[in-house]
Amino acid sequence: MNTADLTAFYNDNLQVTVTGKLGGVTKDTETVTLSATAATLETFSFADINEVDLLVTASGTHHSGYSGAGTQVAMDNLTITPVAVPAPLIGRGLPVVLAVGGVLLGAKLSQRSKKRRSPGSVIPHAAR
């Protein structure tokens, strides 16, 4: 995760801890302080993560111009650097195994069919 615009809905000086995890294990953590009147562009250097958690750690003070209340956070313009994930080997190899298996099975059935008939025999129409 690279950057994100974060804004507090109702409270000024709202503190939020942003945690990046990989497989449920914490890799990076940063605490940011947000405003209720303007977005704050936050820069993160989170790499090799597959989960991001936001947790309000200090509620701040209610912004007097707003009638609502709460510790909600808005996130916008999130930027990430995607990582290429190789396809599982089973997923790539399975069609080849099935194709080769089908060719081998077809050849074996063809050999059996030839062994059962004598040269010059006629196969009845219903058996075709």
C-alpha atoms as a PDB file:
ATOM      1  CA  MET A   1       0.000   0.000   0.000  1.00  0.00           C
ATOM      2  CA  ASN A   2       1.469   3.333  -1.039  1.00  0.00           C
ATOM      3  CA  THR A   3      -0.870   6.246  -0.277  1.00  0.00           C
ATOM      4  CA  ALA A   4      -4.448   7.054   0.724  1.00  0.00           C
ATOM      5  CA  ASP A   5      -6.488  10.173   1.443  1.00  0.00           C
ATOM      6  CA  LEU A   6      -8.011   9.773   4.920  1.00  0.00           C
ATOM      7  CA  THR A   7     -10.620  12.012   6.549  1.00  0.00           C
ATOM      8  CA  ALA A   8     -12.445  11.853   9.880  1.00  0.00           C
ATOM      9  CA  PHE A   9     -16.227  12.166   9.474  1.00  0.00           C
ATOM     10  CA  TYR A  10     -17.091  14.154  12.614  1.00  0.00           C
ATOM     11  CA  ASN A  11     -14.083  14.519  14.942  1.00  0.00           C
ATOM     12  CA  ASP A  12     -10.923  16.579  14.603  1.00  0.00           C
ATOM     13  CA  ASN A  13      -7.619  15.024  15.725  1.00  0.00           C
ATOM     14  CA  LEU A  14      -9.019  11.529  15.298  1.00  0.00           C
ATOM     15  CA  GLN A  15      -6.138   9.074  15.659  1.00  0.00           C
ATOM     16  CA  VAL A  16      -6.216   5.932  13.531  1.00  0.00           C
ATOM     17  CA  THR A  17      -3.752   3.057  13.588  1.00  0.00           C
ATOM     18  CA  VAL A  18      -3.288   1.523  10.153  1.00  0.00           C
ATOM     19  CA  THR A  19      -1.929  -2.034  10.192  1.00  0.00           C
ATOM     20  CA  GLY A  20      -0.698  -4.026   7.211  1.00  0.00           C
ATOM     21  CA  LYS A  21      -0.794  -7.814   7.563  1.00  0.00           C
ATOM     22  CA  LEU A  22       0.268 -10.861   5.594  1.00  0.00           C
ATOM     23  CA  GLY A  23      -1.693 -14.004   6.370  1.00  0.00           C
ATOM     24  CA  GLY A  24      -2.977 -12.433   9.594  1.00  0.00           C
ATOM     25  CA  VAL A  25       0.536 -11.577  10.834  1.00  0.00           C
ATOM     26  CA  THR A  26       1.309  -7.872  11.376  1.00  0.00           C
ATOM     27  CA  LYS A  27       4.015  -6.604   8.997  1.00  0.00           C
ATOM     28  CA  ASP A  28       3.683  -2.774   9.312  1.00  0.00           C
ATOM     29  CA  THR A  29       1.869  -0.311  11.575  1.00  0.00           C
ATOM     30  CA  GLU A  30       1.463   3.473  11.434  1.00  0.00           C
ATOM     31  CA  THR A  31      -0.691   5.845  13.497  1.00  0.00           C
ATOM     32  CA  VAL A  32      -2.082   8.948  11.783  1.00  0.00           C
ATOM     33  CA  THR A  33      -4.047  11.955  13.058  1.00  0.00           C
ATOM     34  CA  LEU A  34      -6.986  13.053  10.907  1.00  0.00           C
ATOM     35  CA  SER A  35      -9.022  16.184  10.378  1.00  0.00           C
ATOM     36  CA  ALA A  36     -12.793  16.374   9.959  1.00  0.00           C
ATOM     37  CA  THR A  37     -12.552  19.264   7.486  1.00  0.00           C
ATOM     38  CA  ALA A  38      -9.931  18.145   4.965  1.00  0.00           C
ATOM     39  CA  ALA A  39      -8.483  14.948   3.607  1.00  0.00           C
ATOM     40  CA  THR A  40      -4.968  14.064   4.709  1.00  0.00           C
ATOM     41  CA  LEU A  41      -2.738  12.362   2.142  1.00  0.00           C
ATOM     42  CA  GLU A  42      -0.947   9.649   4.077  1.00  0.00           C
ATOM     43  CA  THR A  43       2.074   7.830   2.671  1.00  0.00           C
ATOM     44  CA  PHE A  44       2.658   4.244   3.683  1.00  0.00           C
ATOM     45  CA  SER A  45       5.521   1.927   2.852  1.00  0.00           C
ATOM     46  CA  PHE A  46       3.603  -1.295   3.362  1.00  0.00           C
ATOM     47  CA  ALA A  47       4.902  -4.127   1.162  1.00  0.00           C
ATOM     48  CA  ASP A  48       4.121  -7.834   0.972  1.00  0.00           C
ATOM     49  CA  ILE A  49       0.713  -7.532   2.670  1.00  0.00           C
ATOM     50  CA  ASN A  50      -2.725  -8.916   1.855  1.00  0.00           C
ATOM     51  CA  GLU A  51      -4.803  -7.131   4.515  1.00  0.00           C
ATOM     52  CA  VAL A  52      -5.102  -3.581   5.881  1.00  0.00           C
ATOM     53  CA  ASP A  53      -6.891  -2.822   9.167  1.00  0.00           C
ATOM     54  CA  LEU A  54      -7.908   0.634  10.429  1.00  0.00           C
ATOM     55  CA  LEU A  55      -8.487   1.029  14.160  1.00  0.00           C
ATOM     56  CA  VAL A  56      -9.480   4.283  15.899  1.00  0.00           C
ATOM     57  CA  THR A  57      -7.090   4.657  18.835  1.00  0.00           C
ATOM     58  CA  ALA A  58      -8.109   8.162  20.025  1.00  0.00           C
ATOM     59  CA  SER A  59     -11.525   9.677  19.330  1.00  0.00           C
ATOM     60  CA  GLY A  60     -10.432  13.322  19.043  1.00  0.00           C
ATOM     61  CA  THR A  61     -12.892  16.165  19.585  1.00  0.00           C
ATOM     62  CA  HIS A  62     -16.220  16.769  17.900  1.00  0.00           C
ATOM     63  CA  HIS A  63     -16.040  19.344  15.101  1.00  0.00           C
ATOM     64  CA  SER A  64     -18.493  22.093  16.098  1.00  0.00           C
ATOM     65  CA  GLY A  65     -19.796  22.625  12.563  1.00  0.00           C
ATOM     66  CA  TYR A  66     -21.159  19.072  12.222  1.00  0.00           C
ATOM     67  CA  SER A  67     -24.465  17.785  13.612  1.00  0.00           C
ATOM     68  CA  GLY A  68     -23.530  14.075  13.536  1.00  0.00           C
ATOM     69  CA  ALA A  69     -21.268  12.206  15.922  1.00  0.00           C
ATOM     70  CA  GLY A  70     -18.942   9.238  15.692  1.00  0.00           C
ATOM     71  CA  THR A  71     -15.458   8.022  14.910  1.00  0.00           C
ATOM     72  CA  GLN A  72     -15.980   6.974  11.288  1.00  0.00           C
ATOM     73  CA  VAL A  73     -13.161   7.350   8.763  1.00  0.00           C
ATOM     74  CA  ALA A  74     -13.366   7.926   5.003  1.00  0.00           C
ATOM     75  CA  MET A  75     -10.690   6.565   2.662  1.00  0.00           C
ATOM     76  CA  ASP A  76     -10.249   7.740  -0.921  1.00  0.00           C
ATOM     77  CA  ASN A  77      -7.643   7.557  -3.701  1.00  0.00           C
ATOM     78  CA  LEU A  78      -5.937   4.449  -2.363  1.00  0.00           C
ATOM     79  CA  THR A  79      -2.809   3.551  -4.342  1.00  0.00           C
ATOM     80  CA  ILE A  80      -1.161   0.159  -4.251  1.00  0.00           C
ATOM     81  CA  THR A  81       1.605  -1.621  -6.104  1.00  0.00           C
ATOM     82  CA  PRO A  82       0.234  -4.976  -7.232  1.00  0.00           C
ATOM     83  CA  VAL A  83       2.466  -8.012  -7.022  1.00  0.00           C
ATOM     84  CA  ALA A  84       2.316 -10.721  -9.670  1.00  0.00           C
ATOM     85  CA  VAL A  85       1.341 -14.039  -8.118  1.00  0.00           C
ATOM     86  CA  PRO A  86       2.328 -17.155 -10.076  1.00  0.00           C
ATOM     87  CA  ALA A  87      -0.445 -19.552 -10.964  1.00  0.00           C
ATOM     88  CA  PRO A  88      -0.464 -22.745  -8.900  1.00  0.00           C
ATOM     89  CA  LEU A  89       1.363 -25.619 -10.554  1.00  0.00           C
ATOM     90  CA  ILE A  90      -1.653 -27.901 -10.295  1.00  0.00           C
ATOM     91  CA  GLY A  91      -3.711 -25.380 -12.229  1.00  0.00           C
ATOM     92  CA  ARG A  92      -1.199 -25.156 -15.069  1.00  0.00           C
ATOM     93  CA  GLY A  93      -0.253 -28.842 -15.241  1.00  0.00           C
ATOM     94  CA  LEU A  94      -3.690 -30.404 -14.956  1.00  0.00           C
ATOM     95  CA  PRO A  95      -4.883 -29.667 -18.536  1.00  0.00           C
ATOM     96  CA  VAL A  96      -1.676 -31.175 -19.915  1.00  0.00           C
ATOM     97  CA  VAL A  97      -2.087 -34.297 -17.772  1.00  0.00           C
ATOM     98  CA  LEU A  98      -5.712 -34.642 -18.856  1.00  0.00           C
ATOM     99  CA  ALA A  99      -4.826 -34.129 -22.535  1.00  0.00           C
ATOM    100  CA  VAL A 100      -2.011 -36.693 -22.466  1.00  0.00           C
ATOM    101  CA  GLY A 101      -4.177 -39.100 -20.491  1.00  0.00           C
ATOM    102  CA  GLY A 102      -6.981 -38.712 -23.034  1.00  0.00           C
ATOM    103  CA  VAL A 103      -4.634 -39.417 -25.949  1.00  0.00           C
ATOM    104  CA  LEU A 104      -3.217 -42.497 -24.239  1.00  0.00           C
ATOM    105  CA  LEU A 105      -6.675 -43.777 -23.308  1.00  0.00           C
ATOM    106  CA  GLY A 106      -7.899 -43.238 -26.871  1.00  0.00           C
ATOM    107  CA  ALA A 107      -4.915 -45.151 -28.284  1.00  0.00           C
ATOM    108  CA  LYS A 108      -5.482 -48.045 -25.860  1.00  0.00           C
ATOM    109  CA  LEU A 109      -9.192 -48.293 -26.725  1.00  0.00           C
ATOM    110  CA  SER A 110      -8.355 -48.216 -30.415  1.00  0.00           C
ATOM    111  CA  GLN A 111      -5.914 -51.121 -29.979  1.00  0.00           C
ATOM    112  CA  ARG A 112      -8.536 -53.193 -28.120  1.00  0.00           C
ATOM    113  CA  SER A 113     -11.087 -52.541 -30.816  1.00  0.00           C
ATOM    114  CA  LYS A 114      -8.702 -53.741 -33.531  1.00  0.00           C
ATOM    115  CA  LYS A 115      -7.815 -56.928 -31.607  1.00  0.00           C
ATOM    116  CA  ARG A 116     -11.486 -57.973 -31.224  1.00  0.00           C
ATOM    117  CA  ARG A 117     -12.347 -57.902 -34.935  1.00  0.00           C
ATOM    118  CA  SER A 118     -10.897 -60.131 -37.511  1.00  0.00           C
ATOM    119  CA  PRO A 119      -9.697 -58.628 -40.778  1.00  0.00           C
ATOM    120  CA  GLY A 120     -12.541 -58.235 -43.219  1.00  0.00           C
ATOM    121  CA  SER A 121     -15.267 -58.562 -40.576  1.00  0.00           C
ATOM    122  CA  VAL A 122     -18.247 -56.265 -40.797  1.00  0.00           C
ATOM    123  CA  ILE A 123     -19.256 -54.194 -37.788  1.00  0.00           C
ATOM    124  CA  PRO A 124     -23.046 -54.075 -37.451  1.00  0.00           C
ATOM    125  CA  HIS A 125     -24.563 -50.595 -37.814  1.00  0.00           C
ATOM    126  CA  ALA A 126     -25.877 -50.548 -34.207  1.00  0.00           C
ATOM    127  CA  ALA A 127     -22.386 -51.247 -32.801  1.00  0.00           C
ATOM    128  CA  ARG A 128     -20.775 -48.228 -34.480  1.00  0.00           C
END
